[in-house]
């Protein structure tokens, strides 16, 4: 990463990124940790079969069960549901 403009980094000094940059090796791991935490806080549960698939089930007042499956891989996602309102 280069400094903008005419800025020069003194010899023996380094820059520290305060945010993750897309494309760094650690970015995918930290993104997964953040999105997984958010999903778990909002009622999703992680499937034991893998770390990227989450499900959420809600029983409606009429007794029907709404299901939502969400698989996230880096910046792509697949959603499957049996309920139009969920989708």
C-alpha atoms as a PDB file:
ATOM      1  CA  UNK A   1       0.000   0.000   0.000  1.00  0.00           C
ATOM      2  CA  UNK A   2       1.429   3.377  -0.988  1.00  0.00           C
ATOM      3  CA  UNK A   3       0.877   6.625   0.850  1.00  0.00           C
ATOM      4  CA  UNK A   4      -1.151   9.206  -1.049  1.00  0.00           C
ATOM      5  CA  UNK A   5       0.485  12.147  -2.764  1.00  0.00           C
ATOM      6  CA  UNK A   6       3.959  13.214  -1.725  1.00  0.00           C
ATOM      7  CA  UNK A   7       3.890  11.637   1.739  1.00  0.00           C
ATOM      8  CA  UNK A   8       6.947   9.544   2.565  1.00  0.00           C
ATOM      9  CA  UNK A   9       7.217   6.933   5.276  1.00  0.00           C
ATOM     10  CA  UNK A  10      10.321   7.356   7.459  1.00  0.00           C
ATOM     11  CA  UNK A  11      12.808   4.480   7.385  1.00  0.00           C
ATOM     12  CA  UNK A  12      12.005   1.821   9.952  1.00  0.00           C
ATOM     13  CA  UNK A  13       8.357   2.867  10.288  1.00  0.00           C
ATOM     14  CA  UNK A  14       5.256   0.965   9.204  1.00  0.00           C
ATOM     15  CA  UNK A  15       1.582   1.756   8.720  1.00  0.00           C
ATOM     16  CA  UNK A  16      -1.150   0.013  10.672  1.00  0.00           C
ATOM     17  CA  UNK A  17      -4.538  -0.445   9.021  1.00  0.00           C
ATOM     18  CA  UNK A  18      -7.455   0.422  11.268  1.00  0.00           C
ATOM     19  CA  UNK A  19      -9.917  -1.310   8.965  1.00  0.00           C
ATOM     20  CA  UNK A  20      -9.734  -4.513   6.988  1.00  0.00           C
ATOM     21  CA  UNK A  21      -9.168  -4.062   3.309  1.00  0.00           C
ATOM     22  CA  UNK A  22     -10.903  -6.239   0.742  1.00  0.00           C
ATOM     23  CA  UNK A  23      -8.468  -8.821  -0.542  1.00  0.00           C
ATOM     24  CA  UNK A  24      -6.353  -9.259   2.581  1.00  0.00           C
ATOM     25  CA  UNK A  25      -6.087 -12.809   3.915  1.00  0.00           C
ATOM     26  CA  UNK A  26      -7.680 -11.840   7.242  1.00  0.00           C
ATOM     27  CA  UNK A  27     -10.623  -9.992   5.676  1.00  0.00           C
ATOM     28  CA  UNK A  28     -12.726 -13.067   4.965  1.00  0.00           C
ATOM     29  CA  UNK A  29     -12.248 -14.439   8.487  1.00  0.00           C
ATOM     30  CA  UNK A  30     -13.188 -11.175  10.197  1.00  0.00           C
ATOM     31  CA  UNK A  31     -16.175 -10.662   7.864  1.00  0.00           C
ATOM     32  CA  UNK A  32     -17.417 -14.177   8.682  1.00  0.00           C
ATOM     33  CA  UNK A  33     -17.030 -13.548  12.421  1.00  0.00           C
ATOM     34  CA  UNK A  34     -18.960 -10.276  12.164  1.00  0.00           C
ATOM     35  CA  UNK A  35     -21.848 -11.582  10.027  1.00  0.00           C
ATOM     36  CA  UNK A  36     -22.111 -14.812  12.062  1.00  0.00           C
ATOM     37  CA  UNK A  37     -22.370 -12.824  15.276  1.00  0.00           C
ATOM     38  CA  UNK A  38     -25.082 -10.601  13.831  1.00  0.00           C
ATOM     39  CA  UNK A  39     -27.105 -13.577  12.565  1.00  0.00           C
ATOM     40  CA  UNK A  40     -26.867 -15.373  15.912  1.00  0.00           C
ATOM     41  CA  UNK A  41     -27.998 -12.209  17.737  1.00  0.00           C
ATOM     42  CA  UNK A  42     -31.043 -12.045  15.457  1.00  0.00           C
ATOM     43  CA  UNK A  43     -32.374 -15.537  16.078  1.00  0.00           C
ATOM     44  CA  UNK A  44     -30.531 -17.599  13.488  1.00  0.00           C
ATOM     45  CA  UNK A  45     -28.794 -20.810  14.462  1.00  0.00           C
ATOM     46  CA  UNK A  46     -25.683 -22.211  12.838  1.00  0.00           C
ATOM     47  CA  UNK A  47     -26.041 -25.674  11.328  1.00  0.00           C
ATOM     48  CA  UNK A  48     -23.610 -28.242  12.677  1.00  0.00           C
ATOM     49  CA  UNK A  49     -22.803 -29.483   9.173  1.00  0.00           C
ATOM     50  CA  UNK A  50     -20.814 -26.372   8.231  1.00  0.00           C
ATOM     51  CA  UNK A  51     -19.982 -22.895   9.477  1.00  0.00           C
ATOM     52  CA  UNK A  52     -21.552 -20.965   6.612  1.00  0.00           C
ATOM     53  CA  UNK A  53     -25.191 -22.117   6.730  1.00  0.00           C
ATOM     54  CA  UNK A  54     -27.720 -20.635   9.119  1.00  0.00           C
ATOM     55  CA  UNK A  55     -31.401 -21.336   9.669  1.00  0.00           C
ATOM     56  CA  UNK A  56     -34.275 -19.555  11.332  1.00  0.00           C
ATOM     57  CA  UNK A  57     -37.690 -20.987  12.071  1.00  0.00           C
ATOM     58  CA  UNK A  58     -40.699 -19.013  13.277  1.00  0.00           C
ATOM     59  CA  UNK A  59     -44.144 -20.332  14.161  1.00  0.00           C
ATOM     60  CA  UNK A  60     -46.921 -18.010  13.045  1.00  0.00           C
ATOM     61  CA  UNK A  61     -50.157 -17.468  15.004  1.00  0.00           C
ATOM     62  CA  UNK A  62     -52.002 -19.771  12.580  1.00  0.00           C
ATOM     63  CA  UNK A  63     -49.607 -22.637  13.442  1.00  0.00           C
ATOM     64  CA  UNK A  64     -47.593 -22.669  10.217  1.00  0.00           C
ATOM     65  CA  UNK A  65     -43.824 -22.745  10.478  1.00  0.00           C
ATOM     66  CA  UNK A  66     -41.779 -20.332   8.391  1.00  0.00           C
ATOM     67  CA  UNK A  67     -38.255 -21.509   7.591  1.00  0.00           C
ATOM     68  CA  UNK A  68     -35.322 -19.606   6.184  1.00  0.00           C
ATOM     69  CA  UNK A  69     -31.962 -21.080   5.169  1.00  0.00           C
ATOM     70  CA  UNK A  70     -29.044 -18.763   4.465  1.00  0.00           C
ATOM     71  CA  UNK A  71     -25.636 -19.809   3.176  1.00  0.00           C
ATOM     72  CA  UNK A  72     -22.892 -17.191   3.064  1.00  0.00           C
ATOM     73  CA  UNK A  73     -19.546 -17.640   1.342  1.00  0.00           C
ATOM     74  CA  UNK A  74     -17.326 -14.538   1.363  1.00  0.00           C
ATOM     75  CA  UNK A  75     -19.478 -11.903  -0.363  1.00  0.00           C
ATOM     76  CA  UNK A  76     -22.039 -14.279  -1.923  1.00  0.00           C
ATOM     77  CA  UNK A  77     -25.205 -15.656  -0.355  1.00  0.00           C
ATOM     78  CA  UNK A  78     -27.979 -18.113  -1.166  1.00  0.00           C
ATOM     79  CA  UNK A  79     -31.369 -17.793   0.526  1.00  0.00           C
ATOM     80  CA  UNK A  80     -34.125 -20.418   0.575  1.00  0.00           C
ATOM     81  CA  UNK A  81     -37.468 -19.951   2.298  1.00  0.00           C
ATOM     82  CA  UNK A  82     -41.015 -21.231   2.298  1.00  0.00           C
ATOM     83  CA  UNK A  83     -42.483 -17.852   3.232  1.00  0.00           C
ATOM     84  CA  UNK A  84     -42.873 -14.835   0.947  1.00  0.00           C
ATOM     85  CA  UNK A  85     -42.825 -12.411   3.914  1.00  0.00           C
ATOM     86  CA  UNK A  86     -39.508 -13.853   5.118  1.00  0.00           C
ATOM     87  CA  UNK A  87     -38.003 -13.472   1.704  1.00  0.00           C
END
